[in-house]
Structures are given as structure tokens and as C-alpha cells.
Amino acid sequence: MKKINFVFITLIASLLFVSCDKELTESNNKEIGKLAFSISKEHNALAGISLKAGEAYNLDLVSEAIITIEKDGVVVEGFDSKTLTISSWGDGNYTTPDIQLEVATGYSLTKFELKNADGLMIFASPTTGEAGAENVDNPLPLSFDIALDATTPIDVEVLSTEV
């Protein structure tokens, strides 16, 4: 991810829900799990930090998520800056369509950006060592597994990229 000046801090609780249906692909008999991102309008006001009001918290502007997923340090085929459409559930809750991954351990979310309808990045998760990483509890990469009959929430914190 290119370096971005994070002027205003916005924490949005984004959960990565990982679950698995006991589904087998026809070609290789591997079990496939489903993964979706659920995004809510929760944020934390940090003492001493002034937060930009209005558009900084307006998730209605978000139209797509851009993600990269790696497994054991290698980008998963089809998941290098993959674009996911964001849909509203109402009441400030949003979700992406399910994506499918093989049941396995060693996955990492290495990129998570939210863009508006004009394709401009308005929220992003910082990577360890990147500017802004000190402002989130868990910078990227975030590790997760796809397991049978399991749902695992993972907090993905984002910062506003508005200048």
C-alpha cells in the first residue's frame, strides 16, 4: 500500500467473519469455506484527538473494498487487490458478498481499503511499520484460518485517508 498521510483518525469496527460450509469443489475434492466482511459504523473517540465530523464517518460513501489475502506468505490466486462490492444491511451496517477459500490455516489479510463510488480511497488499514500503524491496535497483516463449522471475528481497524 502506498504511503498515505493520515490526518484524521477514524476507527471503524470491521469484522472479518470466517465460516465454513462442508462444501467440496468438484475438481479437487478440497473443502471450501466462505468469508465475508461486515462493516459497522462504530468508532472510538480518542482523548485529545480531534476527529473530522460528517463525511469521515459516513459509510454511505463507501462502495467497494479492496483486499489482498495471502496464504503462507504467498498471494492467494484471485485475491491480489480483489475488489468487493459493499452492500447496506440498513442501520449503518454493511457487508460484502461471500468469497470462497480452501479450508486451511496460515491465511493473512495484507490489504484492506474502502473506496467511494469515484474510486477514491477514503479508509484504509495501515500495515505494521507504515505511517498511522501506531494509531490502531492491530495493524495489517492479520492472520486467520478457514476451519470447518467455525465463525471467527477479526477486528480490522481503518483510518480515514482524507487530507
C-alpha atoms as a PDB file:
ATOM      1  CA  MET A   1       0.000   0.000   0.000  1.00  0.00           C
ATOM      2  CA  LYS A   2       1.388   3.380  -0.882  1.00  0.00           C
ATOM      3  CA  LYS A   3       2.193   5.777   1.918  1.00  0.00           C
ATOM      4  CA  ILE A   4      -0.753   7.957   2.939  1.00  0.00           C
ATOM      5  CA  ASN A   5      -0.920  10.925   5.254  1.00  0.00           C
ATOM      6  CA  PHE A   6      -3.483  10.039   7.895  1.00  0.00           C
ATOM      7  CA  VAL A   7      -4.764  13.389   9.088  1.00  0.00           C
ATOM      8  CA  PHE A   8      -7.895  12.417  10.976  1.00  0.00           C
ATOM      9  CA  ILE A   9      -8.192   9.194  12.901  1.00  0.00           C
ATOM     10  CA  THR A  10     -11.320   7.159  12.408  1.00  0.00           C
ATOM     11  CA  LEU A  11     -11.675   3.700  13.835  1.00  0.00           C
ATOM     12  CA  ILE A  12     -14.385   1.618  12.255  1.00  0.00           C
ATOM     13  CA  ALA A  13     -15.063  -1.787  13.687  1.00  0.00           C
ATOM     14  CA  SER A  14     -14.799  -4.050  10.684  1.00  0.00           C
ATOM     15  CA  LEU A  15     -15.165  -7.715  11.315  1.00  0.00           C
ATOM     16  CA  LEU A  16     -13.907 -10.453   9.105  1.00  0.00           C
ATOM     17  CA  PHE A  17     -16.276 -13.353   9.535  1.00  0.00           C
ATOM     18  CA  VAL A  18     -14.755 -16.636   8.547  1.00  0.00           C
ATOM     19  CA  SER A  19     -17.029 -19.633   8.366  1.00  0.00           C
ATOM     20  CA  CYS A  20     -17.108 -22.856   6.504  1.00  0.00           C
ATOM     21  CA  ASP A  21     -19.741 -24.976   4.874  1.00  0.00           C
ATOM     22  CA  LYS A  22     -18.730 -28.549   4.306  1.00  0.00           C
ATOM     23  CA  GLU A  23     -18.588 -27.963   0.593  1.00  0.00           C
ATOM     24  CA  LEU A  24     -16.275 -29.759  -1.785  1.00  0.00           C
ATOM     25  CA  THR A  25     -15.075 -28.452  -5.108  1.00  0.00           C
ATOM     26  CA  GLU A  26     -15.740 -30.883  -7.935  1.00  0.00           C
ATOM     27  CA  SER A  27     -12.287 -30.648  -9.453  1.00  0.00           C
ATOM     28  CA  ASN A  28     -10.043 -31.269  -6.446  1.00  0.00           C
ATOM     29  CA  ASN A  29     -12.248 -32.507  -3.551  1.00  0.00           C
ATOM     30  CA  LYS A  30     -10.974 -29.746  -1.266  1.00  0.00           C
ATOM     31  CA  GLU A  31     -13.246 -28.315   1.397  1.00  0.00           C
ATOM     32  CA  ILE A  32     -14.183 -24.702   0.785  1.00  0.00           C
ATOM     33  CA  GLY A  33     -15.057 -22.085   3.390  1.00  0.00           C
ATOM     34  CA  LYS A  34     -16.923 -18.828   2.977  1.00  0.00           C
ATOM     35  CA  LEU A  35     -15.599 -15.468   4.068  1.00  0.00           C
ATOM     36  CA  ALA A  36     -17.338 -12.062   4.159  1.00  0.00           C
ATOM     37  CA  PHE A  37     -16.587  -8.653   5.598  1.00  0.00           C
ATOM     38  CA  SER A  38     -19.158  -6.974   7.809  1.00  0.00           C
ATOM     39  CA  ILE A  39     -18.605  -3.283   8.437  1.00  0.00           C
ATOM     40  CA  SER A  40     -20.386  -1.228  11.066  1.00  0.00           C
ATOM     41  CA  LYS A  41     -20.369   2.462  11.917  1.00  0.00           C
ATOM     42  CA  GLU A  42     -18.838   2.030  15.362  1.00  0.00           C
ATOM     43  CA  HIS A  43     -15.905   4.237  16.236  1.00  0.00           C
ATOM     44  CA  ASN A  44     -13.974   5.253  19.300  1.00  0.00           C
ATOM     45  CA  ALA A  45     -13.316   8.846  20.253  1.00  0.00           C
ATOM     46  CA  LEU A  46      -9.709   9.039  21.389  1.00  0.00           C
ATOM     47  CA  ALA A  47      -8.826  11.519  24.124  1.00  0.00           C
ATOM     48  CA  GLY A  48      -7.003  14.563  22.809  1.00  0.00           C
ATOM     49  CA  ILE A  49      -7.585  13.719  19.150  1.00  0.00           C
ATOM     50  CA  SER A  50      -9.964  15.853  17.119  1.00  0.00           C
ATOM     51  CA  LEU A  51     -11.960  13.791  14.688  1.00  0.00           C
ATOM     52  CA  LYS A  52     -13.373  15.143  11.449  1.00  0.00           C
ATOM     53  CA  ALA A  53     -17.164  15.088  11.547  1.00  0.00           C
ATOM     54  CA  GLY A  54     -19.591  14.369   8.741  1.00  0.00           C
ATOM     55  CA  GLU A  55     -18.030  12.583   5.787  1.00  0.00           C
ATOM     56  CA  ALA A  56     -15.278  10.967   7.865  1.00  0.00           C
ATOM     57  CA  TYR A  57     -17.895   8.705   9.449  1.00  0.00           C
ATOM     58  CA  ASN A  58     -20.295   8.480   6.530  1.00  0.00           C
ATOM     59  CA  LEU A  59     -20.081   4.880   5.404  1.00  0.00           C
ATOM     60  CA  ASP A  60     -22.819   5.587   2.871  1.00  0.00           C
ATOM     61  CA  LEU A  61     -19.976   6.903   0.709  1.00  0.00           C
ATOM     62  CA  VAL A  62     -18.232   3.502   0.715  1.00  0.00           C
ATOM     63  CA  SER A  63     -18.988   1.436  -2.376  1.00  0.00           C
ATOM     64  CA  GLU A  64     -16.205  -1.145  -2.513  1.00  0.00           C
ATOM     65  CA  ALA A  65     -13.487  -2.847  -0.503  1.00  0.00           C
ATOM     66  CA  ILE A  66     -10.096  -3.714  -1.963  1.00  0.00           C
ATOM     67  CA  ILE A  67      -8.431  -6.665  -0.241  1.00  0.00           C
ATOM     68  CA  THR A  68      -5.357  -8.815  -0.602  1.00  0.00           C
ATOM     69  CA  ILE A  69      -5.184 -12.235   1.035  1.00  0.00           C
ATOM     70  CA  GLU A  70      -2.033 -14.305   1.368  1.00  0.00           C
ATOM     71  CA  LYS A  71      -1.520 -17.885   2.482  1.00  0.00           C
ATOM     72  CA  ASP A  72       1.819 -18.786   3.982  1.00  0.00           C
ATOM     73  CA  GLY A  73       3.306 -15.542   2.597  1.00  0.00           C
ATOM     74  CA  VAL A  74       2.094 -16.030  -0.997  1.00  0.00           C
ATOM     75  CA  VAL A  75      -0.814 -14.084  -2.501  1.00  0.00           C
ATOM     76  CA  VAL A  76      -3.819 -16.369  -2.983  1.00  0.00           C
ATOM     77  CA  GLU A  77      -4.743 -16.618  -6.667  1.00  0.00           C
ATOM     78  CA  GLY A  78      -7.506 -14.143  -7.445  1.00  0.00           C
ATOM     79  CA  PHE A  79      -7.021 -12.198  -4.204  1.00  0.00           C
ATOM     80  CA  ASP A  80      -4.352  -9.642  -5.138  1.00  0.00           C
ATOM     81  CA  SER A  81      -6.181  -6.303  -4.708  1.00  0.00           C
ATOM     82  CA  LYS A  82      -9.532  -8.049  -5.191  1.00  0.00           C
ATOM     83  CA  THR A  83     -12.497  -5.675  -5.415  1.00  0.00           C
ATOM     84  CA  LEU A  84     -15.592  -6.491  -3.341  1.00  0.00           C
ATOM     85  CA  THR A  85     -18.860  -4.576  -3.652  1.00  0.00           C
ATOM     86  CA  ILE A  86     -20.235  -3.141  -0.396  1.00  0.00           C
ATOM     87  CA  SER A  87     -23.985  -3.511   0.264  1.00  0.00           C
ATOM     88  CA  SER A  88     -26.046  -1.947   3.049  1.00  0.00           C
ATOM     89  CA  TRP A  89     -27.970  -4.043   5.588  1.00  0.00           C
ATOM     90  CA  GLY A  90     -29.517  -0.841   6.974  1.00  0.00           C
ATOM     91  CA  ASP A  91     -28.945   0.817  10.352  1.00  0.00           C
ATOM     92  CA  GLY A  92     -25.332   1.667   9.485  1.00  0.00           C
ATOM     93  CA  ASN A  93     -24.295  -1.935   8.779  1.00  0.00           C
ATOM     94  CA  TYR A  94     -22.670  -3.013   5.529  1.00  0.00           C
ATOM     95  CA  THR A  95     -21.399  -6.275   4.076  1.00  0.00           C
ATOM     96  CA  THR A  96     -19.555  -7.773   1.130  1.00  0.00           C
ATOM     97  CA  PRO A  97     -20.594 -10.845  -0.846  1.00  0.00           C
ATOM     98  CA  ASP A  98     -19.215 -14.176   0.350  1.00  0.00           C
ATOM     99  CA  ILE A  99     -15.884 -15.197  -1.088  1.00  0.00           C
ATOM    100  CA  GLN A 100     -14.588 -18.736  -1.026  1.00  0.00           C
ATOM    101  CA  LEU A 101     -11.267 -20.039   0.227  1.00  0.00           C
ATOM    102  CA  GLU A 102      -9.930 -23.521   0.815  1.00  0.00           C
ATOM    103  CA  VAL A 103     -10.240 -24.773   4.405  1.00  0.00           C
ATOM    104  CA  ALA A 104      -6.718 -24.256   5.766  1.00  0.00           C
ATOM    105  CA  THR A 105      -4.527 -22.368   8.223  1.00  0.00           C
ATOM    106  CA  GLY A 106      -1.938 -19.677   7.514  1.00  0.00           C
ATOM    107  CA  TYR A 107      -4.072 -17.022   5.784  1.00  0.00           C
ATOM    108  CA  SER A 108      -3.324 -13.297   6.220  1.00  0.00           C
ATOM    109  CA  LEU A 109      -5.227 -10.169   5.284  1.00  0.00           C
ATOM    110  CA  THR A 110      -2.460  -7.910   3.957  1.00  0.00           C
ATOM    111  CA  LYS A 111      -4.503  -5.121   2.336  1.00  0.00           C
ATOM    112  CA  PHE A 112      -7.866  -3.592   3.264  1.00  0.00           C
ATOM    113  CA  GLU A 113      -9.082  -0.351   1.708  1.00  0.00           C
ATOM    114  CA  LEU A 114     -12.536   1.164   1.370  1.00  0.00           C
ATOM    115  CA  LYS A 115     -13.266   3.300  -1.702  1.00  0.00           C
ATOM    116  CA  ASN A 116     -16.104   5.595  -2.685  1.00  0.00           C
ATOM    117  CA  ALA A 117     -18.111   5.481  -5.934  1.00  0.00           C
ATOM    118  CA  ASP A 118     -15.474   7.663  -7.624  1.00  0.00           C
ATOM    119  CA  GLY A 119     -12.770   5.079  -6.840  1.00  0.00           C
ATOM    120  CA  LEU A 120     -11.067   7.270  -4.235  1.00  0.00           C
ATOM    121  CA  MET A 121      -9.727   5.517  -1.151  1.00  0.00           C
ATOM    122  CA  ILE A 122     -11.420   7.037   1.913  1.00  0.00           C
ATOM    123  CA  PHE A 123     -10.484   4.475   4.603  1.00  0.00           C
ATOM    124  CA  ALA A 124      -7.531   2.082   4.854  1.00  0.00           C
ATOM    125  CA  SER A 125      -5.905  -0.272   7.327  1.00  0.00           C
ATOM    126  CA  PRO A 126      -2.260   0.556   7.955  1.00  0.00           C
ATOM    127  CA  THR A 127       0.433  -2.080   7.720  1.00  0.00           C
ATOM    128  CA  THR A 128       2.948  -2.680  10.501  1.00  0.00           C
ATOM    129  CA  GLY A 129       5.738  -0.110  10.182  1.00  0.00           C
ATOM    130  CA  GLU A 130       3.669   2.193   7.963  1.00  0.00           C
ATOM    131  CA  ALA A 131       2.619   5.731   8.927  1.00  0.00           C
ATOM    132  CA  GLY A 132      -0.524   5.519  11.045  1.00  0.00           C
ATOM    133  CA  ALA A 133       0.079   1.967  12.278  1.00  0.00           C
ATOM    134  CA  GLU A 134       0.652   3.303  15.790  1.00  0.00           C
ATOM    135  CA  ASN A 135      -2.953   4.550  15.784  1.00  0.00           C
ATOM    136  CA  VAL A 136      -4.553   1.100  15.595  1.00  0.00           C
ATOM    137  CA  ASP A 137      -4.378  -1.840  17.961  1.00  0.00           C
ATOM    138  CA  ASN A 138      -3.700  -4.440  15.276  1.00  0.00           C
ATOM    139  CA  PRO A 139      -2.120  -3.209  12.036  1.00  0.00           C
ATOM    140  CA  LEU A 140      -2.025  -5.488   8.994  1.00  0.00           C
ATOM    141  CA  PRO A 141      -1.203  -8.238   8.281  1.00  0.00           C
ATOM    142  CA  LEU A 142      -3.942 -10.009  10.254  1.00  0.00           C
ATOM    143  CA  SER A 143      -3.764 -13.805  10.446  1.00  0.00           C
ATOM    144  CA  PHE A 144      -6.797 -16.052  10.210  1.00  0.00           C
ATOM    145  CA  ASP A 145      -7.777 -19.632   9.445  1.00  0.00           C
ATOM    146  CA  ILE A 146     -10.651 -21.130   7.497  1.00  0.00           C
ATOM    147  CA  ALA A 147     -11.981 -24.042   9.571  1.00  0.00           C
ATOM    148  CA  LEU A 148     -14.928 -26.413   9.437  1.00  0.00           C
ATOM    149  CA  ASP A 149     -18.074 -25.205  11.203  1.00  0.00           C
ATOM    150  CA  ALA A 150     -16.394 -22.144  12.706  1.00  0.00           C
ATOM    151  CA  THR A 151     -17.000 -18.417  12.660  1.00  0.00           C
ATOM    152  CA  THR A 152     -14.081 -16.261  13.710  1.00  0.00           C
ATOM    153  CA  PRO A 153     -14.350 -12.472  14.021  1.00  0.00           C
ATOM    154  CA  ILE A 154     -11.179 -10.489  13.381  1.00  0.00           C
ATOM    155  CA  ASP A 155     -11.063  -6.739  14.046  1.00  0.00           C
ATOM    156  CA  VAL A 156      -9.907  -4.764  11.033  1.00  0.00           C
ATOM    157  CA  GLU A 157      -9.329  -1.146  12.044  1.00  0.00           C
ATOM    158  CA  VAL A 158      -9.226   1.545   9.410  1.00  0.00           C
ATOM    159  CA  LEU A 159      -8.093   5.149   9.353  1.00  0.00           C
ATOM    160  CA  SER A 160      -9.560   7.973   7.334  1.00  0.00           C
ATOM    161  CA  THR A 161      -7.342   8.885   4.399  1.00  0.00           C
ATOM    162  CA  GLU A 162      -8.958  12.278   3.868  1.00  0.00           C
ATOM    163  CA  VAL A 163      -6.492  15.164   3.996  1.00  0.00           C
END
